[in-house]
Protein backbone atom coordinates (compact mmCIF):
# COMPACT_ATOMS: atom_id res chain seq x y z
CA MET A 1 81.25 120.64 110.38
CA ASP A 2 84.19 120.17 108.66
CA ASN A 3 84.98 118.52 105.49
CA ALA A 4 86.14 115.33 106.70
CA ALA A 5 82.53 114.64 108.59
CA ILE A 6 80.95 115.84 105.20
CA ALA A 7 83.06 113.21 103.39
CA ASP A 8 82.04 110.40 106.03
CA ASN A 9 78.50 111.39 105.73
CA PHE A 10 78.58 111.05 102.12
CA ALA A 11 80.45 108.05 102.12
CA LEU A 12 78.17 106.21 104.39
CA LEU A 13 75.11 107.40 102.33
CA ALA A 14 76.10 105.92 99.43
CA LYS A 15 77.07 102.79 101.15
CA LEU A 16 73.76 102.19 102.64
CA MET A 17 71.65 103.40 99.22
CA ASP A 18 73.69 100.62 98.31
CA ILE A 19 73.08 97.96 101.20
CA HIS A 20 68.85 99.07 100.30
CA GLY A 21 69.40 98.12 96.50
CA GLU A 22 68.71 101.64 95.42
CA ASN A 23 69.52 103.51 91.96
CA SER A 24 73.46 102.88 91.94
CA PHE A 25 74.10 106.52 89.77
CA LYS A 26 72.66 108.09 92.98
CA SER A 27 74.93 106.41 95.01
CA LYS A 28 77.71 107.05 93.20
CA THR A 29 77.27 110.47 93.04
CA PHE A 30 77.31 110.39 96.81
CA ALA A 31 81.08 108.67 96.57
CA ILE A 32 82.03 110.88 94.41
CA ALA A 33 81.26 113.51 96.06
CA ALA A 34 82.69 112.06 99.32
CA PHE A 35 86.23 111.23 97.47
CA ASN A 36 86.17 114.96 95.94
CA ILE A 37 85.14 116.76 99.45
CA GLU A 38 87.98 114.84 101.60
CA LYS A 39 90.83 116.28 99.09
CA LEU A 40 89.77 119.81 99.30
CA PRO A 41 91.93 122.28 99.92
CA MET A 42 89.81 124.95 102.26
CA GLN A 43 86.84 123.88 104.63
CA LEU A 44 83.58 123.96 102.98
CA LYS A 45 81.96 125.91 106.18
CA GLU A 46 84.16 128.62 105.51
CA THR A 47 83.07 128.94 101.61
CA PRO A 48 80.45 131.27 100.54
CA ARG A 49 77.26 129.20 100.01
CA GLU A 50 77.03 130.75 96.34
CA LYS A 51 80.33 129.25 95.39
CA LEU A 52 79.82 125.66 96.95
CA PHE A 53 78.33 124.51 94.00
CA SER A 54 80.55 125.14 91.36
CA ILE A 55 83.11 122.63 93.16
CA LYS A 56 83.80 119.49 91.28
CA GLY A 57 81.64 117.19 92.09
CA ILE A 58 79.48 118.80 94.22
CA GLY A 59 76.18 119.74 92.10
CA GLU A 60 73.16 121.15 93.28
CA SER A 61 71.44 118.60 95.24
CA THR A 62 74.82 117.49 96.72
CA GLY A 63 75.42 121.31 97.25
CA LYS A 64 72.03 121.83 99.45
CA LYS A 65 72.81 118.69 101.52
CA VAL A 66 76.24 120.20 102.01
CA ALA A 67 74.66 123.30 103.28
CA GLU A 68 72.09 121.20 105.83
CA MET A 69 74.92 119.49 107.29
CA ILE A 70 76.79 122.76 107.55
CA ASP A 71 73.78 124.41 109.12
CA THR A 72 72.53 121.79 111.17
CA GLY A 73 75.02 119.43 112.00
CA LYS A 74 73.36 116.12 110.59
CA LEU A 75 72.14 114.76 107.31
CA GLU A 76 68.07 114.12 107.27
CA VAL A 77 68.49 111.73 104.19
CA LEU A 78 71.25 109.59 106.47
CA SER A 79 69.28 109.32 109.66
CA GLU A 80 66.38 107.97 107.72
CA TYR A 81 68.65 105.17 106.20
CA ILE A 82 70.42 104.34 108.83
CA ASN A 83 66.83 104.46 111.43
CA ASN A 84 65.40 101.79 108.36
CA THR A 85 68.75 99.69 108.49
CA PRO A 86 69.00 97.05 111.21
CA PRO A 87 72.05 98.28 113.64
CA GLY A 88 73.86 94.82 113.00
CA VAL A 89 73.73 95.27 109.56
CA ILE A 90 74.88 98.23 109.43
CA GLU A 91 78.03 96.93 111.39
CA MET A 92 78.92 94.59 108.44
CA LEU A 93 80.59 97.51 106.72
CA ASN A 94 83.72 96.91 108.99
CA ILE A 95 84.08 93.32 107.57
CA LYS A 96 87.19 93.63 105.37
CA GLY A 97 85.57 91.69 102.22
CA ILE A 98 82.23 91.97 101.83
CA GLY A 99 80.67 95.70 100.73
CA PRO A 100 77.52 96.80 100.30
CA LYS A 101 76.39 94.84 97.10
CA LYS A 102 77.04 91.74 99.12
CA ILE A 103 75.48 92.71 102.34
CA ASN A 104 72.12 93.73 100.08
CA THR A 105 71.98 89.44 99.65
CA ILE A 106 73.33 88.70 103.25
CA TRP A 107 70.35 90.94 104.47
CA LYS A 108 67.81 90.51 101.67
CA GLU A 109 68.20 87.20 100.71
CA MET A 110 69.72 85.12 103.51
CA GLU A 111 67.84 87.18 106.01
CA ILE A 112 70.90 87.73 108.25
CA GLU A 113 70.99 91.16 110.34
CA SER A 114 74.00 90.59 112.63
CA LEU A 115 77.50 89.51 112.48
CA GLY A 116 76.44 86.69 115.03
CA GLU A 117 74.23 85.50 112.64
CA LEU A 118 76.76 85.59 109.68
CA LEU A 119 79.32 84.03 111.62
CA TYR A 120 77.31 81.11 112.26
CA ALA A 121 76.00 81.12 109.01
CA CYS A 122 79.81 80.95 107.62
CA ASN A 123 80.50 77.94 110.15
CA GLU A 124 77.22 76.05 108.81
CA ASN A 125 78.70 76.28 104.93
CA ARG A 126 75.85 78.09 103.90
CA LEU A 127 76.80 81.25 102.22
CA THR A 128 78.28 79.47 98.92
CA LEU A 129 74.83 78.16 98.30
CA PHE A 130 74.73 81.98 97.34
CA LYS A 131 75.78 84.01 94.11
CA GLY A 132 79.00 86.02 94.59
CA PHE A 133 79.81 83.46 97.72
CA GLY A 134 82.19 81.08 96.84
CA GLU A 135 83.88 78.73 99.39
CA LYS A 136 86.89 81.02 99.45
CA THR A 137 84.62 83.94 100.04
CA GLN A 138 83.28 82.48 102.92
CA LYS A 139 86.49 81.93 104.70
CA ASN A 140 87.65 85.27 104.14
CA VAL A 141 84.36 86.76 105.72
CA GLN A 142 84.34 83.86 108.73
CA GLU A 143 88.22 84.81 109.36
CA ALA A 144 87.45 88.37 109.46
CA ILE A 145 84.76 88.56 111.29
CA GLU A 146 85.94 86.37 114.01
CA PHE A 147 89.30 89.10 113.95
CA TYR A 148 87.12 92.04 114.14
CA PHE A 149 85.07 90.16 117.34
CA GLN A 150 88.70 89.85 118.58
CA ASN A 151 89.74 93.43 118.65
CA GLN A 152 86.82 94.92 119.39
CA GLY A 153 87.21 97.34 122.62
CA HIS A 154 91.41 97.86 121.63
CA PHE A 155 92.67 101.14 120.20
CA LEU A 156 95.46 101.81 118.41
CA PHE A 157 97.81 104.36 120.67
CA ALA A 158 97.59 107.42 118.53
CA GLN A 159 93.55 107.12 118.66
CA LEU A 160 94.23 107.76 122.71
CA ASN A 161 96.89 110.08 122.45
CA ASP A 162 94.97 113.10 123.47
CA VAL A 163 92.22 111.38 125.38
CA PHE A 164 94.68 110.09 127.90
CA PRO A 165 96.22 113.33 129.23
CA GLN A 166 92.19 114.25 129.61
CA ILE A 167 91.52 111.44 131.75
CA GLU A 168 94.75 111.79 133.42
CA ALA A 169 94.04 115.46 134.57
CA TYR A 170 90.32 114.55 135.27
CA LEU A 171 91.69 111.90 137.98
CA LYS A 172 94.38 114.52 139.55
CA LYS A 173 91.30 117.05 139.73
CA LEU A 174 89.13 114.44 141.64
CA PHE A 175 91.99 112.63 143.99
CA SER A 176 95.12 115.30 144.00
CA PRO A 177 97.89 114.87 141.79
CA GLU A 178 100.18 113.08 144.24
CA LYS A 179 97.24 110.42 144.16
CA VAL A 180 97.37 109.59 140.73
CA MET A 181 100.13 108.17 138.62
CA GLN A 182 99.81 106.31 135.05
CA THR A 183 100.43 102.94 134.47
CA GLY A 184 100.01 99.78 132.16
CA ALA A 185 99.74 99.47 128.31
CA TYR A 186 99.44 103.13 127.42
CA ARG A 187 102.80 103.65 130.03
CA ARG A 188 104.60 101.29 127.87
CA HIS A 189 103.63 102.74 124.82
CA ALA A 190 101.87 99.47 123.49
CA LEU A 191 100.73 99.25 119.75
CA THR A 192 96.98 98.54 120.85
CA ILE A 193 95.28 99.20 124.28
CA GLU A 194 92.58 97.50 125.71
CA GLU A 195 92.28 99.60 129.07
CA LEU A 196 93.48 102.69 130.36
CA GLU A 197 95.00 102.21 133.41
CA PHE A 198 95.89 104.24 136.64
CA VAL A 199 97.17 103.69 140.13
CA ILE A 200 94.77 105.87 142.73
CA ASN A 201 96.00 105.89 146.26
CA GLU A 202 92.49 105.51 147.44
CA THR A 203 90.33 102.71 148.42
CA ASN A 204 87.64 101.61 146.39
CA GLU A 205 85.11 102.85 149.09
CA THR A 206 86.62 106.61 148.61
CA VAL A 207 87.10 106.08 144.55
CA LYS A 208 83.67 104.53 143.79
CA PRO A 209 81.27 107.83 145.05
CA LYS A 210 83.28 110.28 142.64
CA PHE A 211 82.11 108.41 139.98
CA GLU A 212 78.66 108.36 140.65
CA THR A 213 77.96 111.69 138.27
CA ALA A 214 74.50 112.47 136.29
CA GLN A 215 75.88 110.09 133.96
CA PRO A 216 78.12 107.68 135.35
CA PRO A 217 80.49 105.35 133.78
CA GLU A 218 79.40 101.37 133.51
CA LEU A 219 81.23 99.12 136.59
CA LEU A 220 82.30 96.03 134.91
CA GLU A 221 84.15 94.58 137.48
CA GLU A 222 85.41 95.08 141.17
CA ILE A 223 87.58 93.35 143.64
CA ASP A 224 89.44 94.63 146.60
CA ASP A 225 92.20 96.38 145.07
CA ASN A 226 91.34 97.70 141.96
CA LEU A 227 87.74 98.92 139.44
CA LEU A 228 87.41 98.21 135.51
CA TYR A 229 84.79 100.55 134.67
CA LYS A 230 83.42 101.55 130.87
CA LEU A 231 83.05 104.92 129.83
CA LYS A 232 81.06 106.25 127.25
CA ASN A 233 83.17 106.09 124.14
CA GLY A 234 83.63 102.62 124.90
CA LEU A 235 87.14 103.13 126.51
CA LYS A 236 87.85 100.74 129.35
CA LEU A 237 89.51 102.59 132.30
CA ARG A 238 91.37 100.18 135.10
CA LEU A 239 91.85 101.78 138.31
CA TYR A 240 94.34 100.01 140.74
CA THR A 241 93.35 101.22 144.03
CA GLY A 242 94.41 100.80 147.65
CA GLU A 243 96.49 102.44 150.26
CA GLN A 244 99.83 100.36 149.77
CA ASN A 245 102.92 102.01 148.60
CA ILE A 246 101.93 103.65 145.14
CA ILE A 247 105.58 103.85 144.09
CA GLU A 248 105.08 99.89 144.31
CA ARG A 249 101.74 99.77 142.72
CA GLN A 250 103.39 101.86 139.65
CA PHE A 251 106.15 99.40 139.03
CA VAL A 252 104.30 96.43 139.40
CA THR A 253 101.34 97.55 137.49
CA THR A 254 102.88 99.02 134.48
CA GLY A 255 105.92 96.42 133.45
CA SER A 256 104.60 93.11 131.62
CA ALA A 257 103.78 90.16 133.34
CA GLU A 258 107.09 88.77 131.62
CA PHE A 259 108.97 91.27 132.84
CA ILE A 260 107.76 91.64 136.45
CA ASP A 261 108.07 87.97 136.87
CA ALA A 262 111.43 87.92 136.14
CA PHE A 263 112.33 91.13 138.01
CA GLN A 264 111.77 89.85 141.08
CA LYS A 265 113.06 86.27 140.62
CA ALA A 266 116.15 88.11 139.60
CA PHE A 267 116.09 90.55 142.82
CA PRO A 268 114.00 88.93 145.15
CA THR A 269 115.14 90.86 148.60
CA ILE A 270 114.36 94.43 147.30
CA ASP A 271 112.24 96.46 149.66
CA TYR A 272 109.32 98.46 147.32
CA ALA A 273 108.42 100.10 150.50
CA LYS A 274 111.29 102.27 150.99
CA ALA A 275 111.25 103.27 147.37
CA LYS A 276 110.04 106.90 146.80
CA THR A 277 110.48 107.02 142.92
CA GLU A 278 110.64 104.24 140.34
CA GLU A 279 114.59 105.09 140.12
CA ASP A 280 114.61 103.95 143.85
CA ILE A 281 113.38 100.61 143.00
CA PHE A 282 116.08 99.86 140.24
CA LEU A 283 119.03 101.44 142.29
CA ASP A 284 118.32 98.80 145.29
CA ALA A 285 118.47 96.08 142.33
CA GLY A 286 121.98 97.66 141.36
CA ILE A 287 121.19 98.05 137.67
CA PRO A 288 120.85 101.52 135.24
CA TYR A 289 116.91 102.77 135.09
CA ILE A 290 114.62 100.76 132.25
CA VAL A 291 112.08 102.96 130.67
CA PRO A 292 108.97 102.03 130.81
CA CYS A 293 108.35 101.46 126.87
CA MET A 294 111.02 98.47 127.33
CA ARG A 295 109.66 96.73 130.04
CA GLU A 296 108.52 93.64 128.18
CA THR A 297 110.49 90.88 128.20
CA GLU A 298 113.40 89.38 130.42
CA LYS A 299 115.60 90.05 128.27
CA ILE A 300 115.90 94.01 129.02
CA ILE A 301 116.60 92.73 132.26
CA GLU A 302 119.87 90.80 131.35
CA ARG A 303 121.11 93.69 129.19
CA ALA A 304 120.71 96.46 132.16
CA LYS A 305 122.98 93.75 134.35
CA ASN A 306 125.72 93.93 131.99
CA ASN A 307 124.92 97.88 131.48
CA LYS A 308 123.97 97.73 127.59
CA LEU A 309 120.89 99.49 127.82
CA PRO A 310 120.90 101.30 124.21
CA GLU A 311 120.60 105.36 124.14
CA LEU A 312 117.21 105.41 122.39
CA ILE A 313 116.33 107.33 119.58
CA GLN A 314 114.32 110.38 119.90
CA THR A 315 111.56 112.20 117.93
CA GLU A 316 114.27 115.27 117.27
CA ASP A 317 116.94 112.70 115.69
CA ILE A 318 114.86 112.24 112.73
CA ARG A 319 116.27 114.58 110.10
CA SER A 320 114.64 113.54 107.43
CA ILE A 321 111.34 112.40 105.60
CA ILE A 322 111.85 109.32 103.25
CA HIS A 323 108.50 107.08 101.95
CA SER A 324 105.94 110.17 100.95
CA HIS A 325 103.68 110.65 98.54
CA SER A 326 102.31 113.56 96.52
CA ASN A 327 99.43 114.81 94.40
CA TRP A 328 101.23 112.75 91.60
CA SER A 329 100.01 109.72 92.74
CA ASP A 330 97.49 109.47 95.70
CA GLY A 331 98.92 112.41 98.29
CA SER A 332 96.93 115.52 99.07
CA ASN A 333 99.96 117.90 98.39
CA THR A 334 101.96 119.11 95.51
CA LEU A 335 105.70 118.63 95.75
CA GLU A 336 106.59 122.30 96.21
CA GLU A 337 104.22 122.24 99.17
CA MET A 338 106.00 118.95 100.49
CA ALA A 339 109.58 120.26 100.05
CA ASP A 340 108.71 123.86 102.05
CA GLU A 341 106.56 122.40 104.83
CA CYS A 342 110.08 119.47 105.47
CA ILE A 343 112.36 123.15 105.07
CA LYS A 344 109.97 124.80 107.60
CA ARG A 345 110.21 121.78 109.76
CA GLY A 346 114.11 121.75 109.98
CA PHE A 347 114.25 118.58 108.18
CA GLU A 348 117.25 118.29 105.68
CA TYR A 349 115.66 116.23 102.32
CA LEU A 350 112.76 114.67 101.46
CA VAL A 351 112.65 111.04 99.57
CA ILE A 352 109.63 111.62 97.43
CA SER A 353 108.01 107.86 96.87
CA ASP A 354 104.89 108.39 94.84
CA HIS A 355 102.95 104.83 93.63
CA SER A 356 103.93 102.69 90.82
CA GLN A 357 102.26 102.10 87.72
CA SER A 358 100.94 98.71 88.76
CA ALA A 359 98.90 100.32 92.01
CA PHE A 360 96.19 101.45 89.34
CA TYR A 361 93.98 102.76 92.39
CA ALA A 362 96.23 105.07 93.76
CA ASN A 363 96.95 106.83 90.11
CA GLY A 364 100.13 105.10 89.86
CA LEU A 365 103.51 106.49 87.70
CA LYS A 366 103.70 105.28 84.32
CA GLU A 367 106.97 106.15 82.52
CA ASP A 368 105.81 109.13 81.04
CA ARG A 369 104.93 110.66 84.37
CA ILE A 370 108.09 109.25 85.98
CA ILE A 371 109.96 111.35 83.66
CA ALA A 372 107.92 114.74 84.00
CA GLN A 373 107.98 114.23 87.82
CA GLN A 374 111.49 114.09 87.51
CA LYS A 375 112.14 116.56 85.52
CA GLN A 376 110.18 119.04 88.35
CA ILE A 377 112.16 117.61 91.46
CA ASP A 378 115.31 119.00 88.97
CA GLU A 379 113.67 122.06 88.94
CA LEU A 380 113.01 122.63 92.41
CA ASN A 381 117.03 121.14 93.53
CA ALA A 382 117.78 124.17 91.57
CA ARG A 383 115.70 126.38 93.11
CA PHE A 384 116.81 125.34 96.79
CA ALA A 385 120.84 125.39 95.66
CA LEU A 386 120.12 129.50 94.91
CA GLN A 387 118.24 130.20 98.13
CA PRO A 388 120.51 132.47 100.41
CA SER A 389 122.01 130.18 103.37
CA SER A 390 119.95 129.16 106.24
CA ARG A 391 119.99 127.55 109.56
CA LEU A 392 118.73 124.26 107.95
CA GLU A 393 121.81 124.69 105.43
CA ARG A 394 124.52 125.46 108.40
CA ASP A 395 122.92 121.99 110.05
CA SER A 396 123.25 120.14 107.04
CA GLY A 397 127.01 121.04 106.73
CA GLY A 398 126.59 123.73 103.84
CA GLN A 399 124.54 121.59 101.86
CA ALA A 400 120.98 122.85 100.78
CA PHE A 401 117.90 121.05 101.10
CA LYS A 402 116.94 118.29 98.26
CA ILE A 403 114.18 116.13 97.49
CA PHE A 404 115.88 112.62 95.72
CA LYS A 405 113.76 111.09 93.63
CA SER A 406 112.29 107.44 94.52
CA ILE A 407 109.18 105.40 93.61
CA GLU A 408 107.25 102.74 96.30
CA SER A 409 107.34 99.99 93.38
CA ASP A 410 104.92 97.48 93.96
CA ILE A 411 106.28 94.05 94.58
CA LEU A 412 104.58 91.82 91.73
CA TYR A 413 103.14 88.59 92.52
CA ASP A 414 106.24 87.15 91.04
CA GLY A 415 108.57 89.00 93.27
CA LYS A 416 109.67 91.60 90.59
CA LEU A 417 109.55 95.10 90.82
CA ASP A 418 107.18 97.13 88.71
CA TYR A 419 109.38 98.80 86.48
CA PRO A 420 111.91 97.51 83.62
CA GLU A 421 115.96 97.81 84.64
CA HIS A 422 116.18 101.20 82.31
CA ILE A 423 113.21 103.00 84.41
CA LEU A 424 114.69 101.88 88.20
CA LYS A 425 118.32 103.07 87.40
CA THR A 426 116.85 106.71 87.19
CA PHE A 427 115.83 106.41 90.75
CA ASP A 428 118.17 107.31 93.69
CA LEU A 429 116.38 104.62 95.63
CA VAL A 430 113.69 102.66 95.48
CA ILE A 431 111.27 101.53 98.31
CA ALA A 432 109.67 97.71 97.51
CA SER A 433 106.26 96.87 98.82
CA VAL A 434 103.44 94.59 98.72
CA HIS A 435 99.72 96.00 97.95
CA SER A 436 98.26 93.25 96.42
CA ILE A 437 97.49 89.78 96.07
CA LEU A 438 97.48 89.60 100.42
CA LYS A 439 96.64 85.96 100.44
CA MET A 440 99.19 83.82 99.94
CA THR A 441 100.85 80.93 101.75
CA GLU A 442 103.98 81.51 104.11
CA GLU A 443 106.04 79.92 101.06
CA LYS A 444 104.66 81.97 98.59
CA ALA A 445 104.68 85.00 100.13
CA MET A 446 108.87 84.29 101.02
CA LYS A 447 109.98 83.81 97.53
CA ARG A 448 107.97 86.81 96.57
CA LEU A 449 109.58 89.26 99.09
CA ILE A 450 112.79 87.38 98.75
CA THR A 451 113.47 87.69 95.16
CA ALA A 452 112.23 91.66 95.64
CA ILE A 453 114.87 91.90 98.30
CA GLU A 454 117.45 90.39 95.49
CA ASN A 455 116.61 92.99 93.03
CA PRO A 456 119.84 95.11 92.66
CA TYR A 457 117.71 98.19 92.50
CA THR A 458 115.46 97.68 95.68
CA THR A 459 116.74 99.77 98.34
CA ILE A 460 114.18 99.43 101.07
CA LEU A 461 111.75 96.99 102.09
CA GLY A 462 108.75 98.99 102.84
CA HIS A 463 105.99 97.71 105.37
CA MET A 464 107.07 93.92 105.41
CA THR A 465 103.68 92.14 106.65
CA GLY A 466 101.53 94.71 105.24
CA ARG A 467 99.55 94.32 108.58
CA LEU A 468 96.88 97.48 109.55
CA LEU A 469 96.73 96.95 113.66
CA LEU A 470 93.49 96.22 114.37
CA THR A 471 92.00 95.85 111.16
CA ARG A 472 94.26 93.06 109.15
CA ASN A 473 96.27 90.65 109.65
CA GLY A 474 99.92 90.67 108.09
CA TYR A 475 100.97 87.98 105.14
CA PRO A 476 102.56 85.06 106.73
CA VAL A 477 106.16 85.43 106.89
CA ASP A 478 109.42 84.04 108.72
CA HIS A 479 110.97 87.71 110.19
CA LYS A 480 114.68 85.68 110.83
CA LYS A 481 114.99 84.97 107.14
CA ILE A 482 113.51 87.95 105.50
CA ILE A 483 115.76 90.17 108.10
CA GLU A 484 118.41 87.75 107.44
CA ALA A 485 118.29 88.28 103.55
CA CYS A 486 118.13 92.24 103.76
CA ALA A 487 121.33 92.01 105.70
CA ALA A 488 122.98 89.86 102.45
CA ASN A 489 122.12 92.24 100.22
CA ASN A 490 122.45 95.55 102.10
CA VAL A 491 118.77 96.37 101.81
CA VAL A 492 116.80 98.62 104.30
CA ILE A 493 113.87 97.38 106.64
CA GLU A 494 111.45 100.05 107.21
CA LEU A 495 109.57 100.89 110.66
CA ASN A 496 106.34 102.41 108.54
CA ALA A 497 105.76 104.64 111.47
CA HIS A 498 101.71 105.08 110.07
CA PRO A 499 99.36 104.33 113.27
CA ARG A 500 97.61 101.62 111.87
CA ARG A 501 101.05 100.00 110.64
CA LEU A 502 103.93 100.09 112.71
CA ASP A 503 105.93 97.58 110.22
CA ILE A 504 108.29 95.85 111.43
CA ASP A 505 107.11 94.94 114.52
CA TRP A 506 108.88 96.45 117.12
CA LYS A 507 109.92 92.85 118.53
CA TRP A 508 112.18 91.96 115.11
CA ILE A 509 114.29 95.23 115.94
CA ASP A 510 116.26 94.14 117.92
CA TYR A 511 117.24 91.02 115.77
CA ALA A 512 117.77 93.32 113.23
CA ILE A 513 120.20 95.26 114.88
CA GLU A 514 122.13 91.97 116.05
CA LYS A 515 122.63 91.53 111.95
CA ASN A 516 123.58 94.79 111.11
CA VAL A 517 120.58 95.50 108.98
CA LEU A 518 119.62 99.39 108.92
CA LEU A 519 116.20 100.35 109.92
CA SER A 520 114.37 103.45 108.77
CA ILE A 521 111.91 105.41 110.40
CA ASP A 522 109.03 106.77 107.58
CA PRO A 523 105.81 108.16 107.95
CA ASP A 524 104.40 106.78 104.58
CA ALA A 525 103.00 110.54 104.19
CA HIS A 526 100.04 111.39 102.27
CA SER A 527 100.06 114.63 103.43
CA LEU A 528 101.95 117.64 105.46
CA ASP A 529 99.88 116.31 108.34
CA GLY A 530 101.36 112.87 107.70
CA PHE A 531 105.06 114.12 108.68
CA ASP A 532 103.77 114.23 112.33
CA ASP A 533 103.24 110.06 112.73
CA ILE A 534 106.88 110.27 112.82
CA LYS A 535 106.77 110.17 116.83
CA TYR A 536 104.31 107.13 116.69
CA GLY A 537 107.18 105.46 114.70
CA VAL A 538 109.53 106.62 116.90
CA LEU A 539 107.91 105.28 120.07
CA ALA A 540 107.69 101.70 118.03
CA ALA A 541 111.14 101.69 117.52
CA GLN A 542 112.20 103.13 121.47
CA LYS A 543 110.43 99.68 122.15
CA GLY A 544 112.86 97.62 120.10
CA GLY A 545 115.91 99.14 121.67
CA MET A 546 116.62 101.32 118.36
CA THR A 547 119.10 103.99 118.59
CA LYS A 548 119.33 106.98 115.76
CA GLU A 549 122.50 105.24 114.73
CA ASN A 550 120.43 102.31 113.64
CA ASN A 551 118.15 104.46 111.65
CA LEU A 552 118.28 105.72 108.01
CA SER A 553 115.84 108.78 108.23
CA SER A 554 118.61 109.70 111.18
CA PHE A 555 121.58 110.45 108.83
CA SER A 556 122.31 113.68 107.54
CA ILE A 557 122.07 114.84 103.91
CA LYS A 558 126.23 113.70 103.72
CA GLN A 559 125.30 110.18 105.21
CA PHE A 560 122.43 109.74 103.28
CA GLU A 561 124.19 110.56 99.83
CA LYS A 562 127.21 108.57 100.96
CA PHE A 563 125.00 105.65 101.77
CA LEU A 564 123.27 106.02 98.37
CA SER A 565 126.53 105.90 96.66
CA ASN A 566 127.94 103.04 98.72
CA LYS A 567 124.59 101.32 97.73
CA ASN A 568 124.66 101.91 93.64
CA LEU A 569 128.19 100.58 93.67
């Protein structure tokens, strides 16, 4: 059992103890242990037993439970709490806005044991009868549950990135490689996915017996030419079956309904039966090949007709890490570790953007700590300048690796940034983001964002809507007006590459490009592994037709310094 699993068990134990109304001191002990274990640089399973109890946040009792999990793979006391808690009550932990204390009230005082009952109680306006549940809280709980139900069975693309190839390999083993082709939402790189889809060039009668194993998946739906299964992990697997032309079937099931309908209307005479590859279909139509990720709208067909398809950005086009957090705020790694990792990966520069002072929950930087961090950055940059010439330095036109001073400044409720001018001017660039007070009308949200965009120190607008895919809707914004304001004020719009954000949404990328607004694919990394999220940002960017020329983090270090110089004039 690794540290993440051990921390998750302690975190869940703390929450369940609070739900049961246990001594809060005990529950906090396990919550603190979870927090500390998650940030440890070494694996507990590889730590000598005698040293377990000397680790910060792990005392005698906690250490014994860690040893139990390492030895047995489970935590007995947690199992007891789970067995003594209705499953529906535990599921309530997934609902934003109701923590363990409120769940205790819902369960013990309201006598509600499922989300369905809780939603019904909200509809009946019953929550307001209990202490701690006002009208606003009740409305938020109701909306959160409805959002949760709506998204059950949906997965982030990143969650399926490892699973999909395994399922594809299994299907090819069952039916032979030439009879299996990937299709659907995953092939289009949809941000969230409800079903994994494959074309199987076999009839239902041939396919079904192959799935009759010792633990068969559940068959949810069967019609003449497709089967829908539910796998043990909750994933849905749709197989388009039959013995018609497999290339035609892949093409028709890959594109969105809008794209396929528009394509068939635009090119009604195509003979799909003759196609041996998808390229043959586009050749017959007389237009350039449209990659699967862009087969979403009718608009892309018109661009293809006019030979205006973009040369899409690739992961290797990213030359820097912009928007990253070190252990100065809530990141896991030191500045030096982050810089060394960037150099190792071939990046030309790092923009460090720790949280600002209002983000107290994330150890945001007060003025004295900003001065101290910037001093360390100067020292590191001096060291990089003295290092021997390397491939990285040659590729960047003779310039050494560099860390740029930045901050992810909270956009306050009134739209102001989190520091006075004399502090803001010490940064090379400022990323302005909203992190708090997300519930507001569109009018207030827009006024807040526009004010921040118009601040002369704002360089990049971070995660524009604040959305968390499958978890939280973004705050209401008028995308066109935001993009136009960024154009007018020479502000870059971030495409936050974290798989749960991917914000700005790809659907608005083409409008930003049309308005000559620069975008920036940024990982929002809180650890070295977070650098890997760039690939998800690139996939989302490709859906929107983004090129490397449109992307700030694709700038060489010379181009980036010129950009900053022009911005700060």
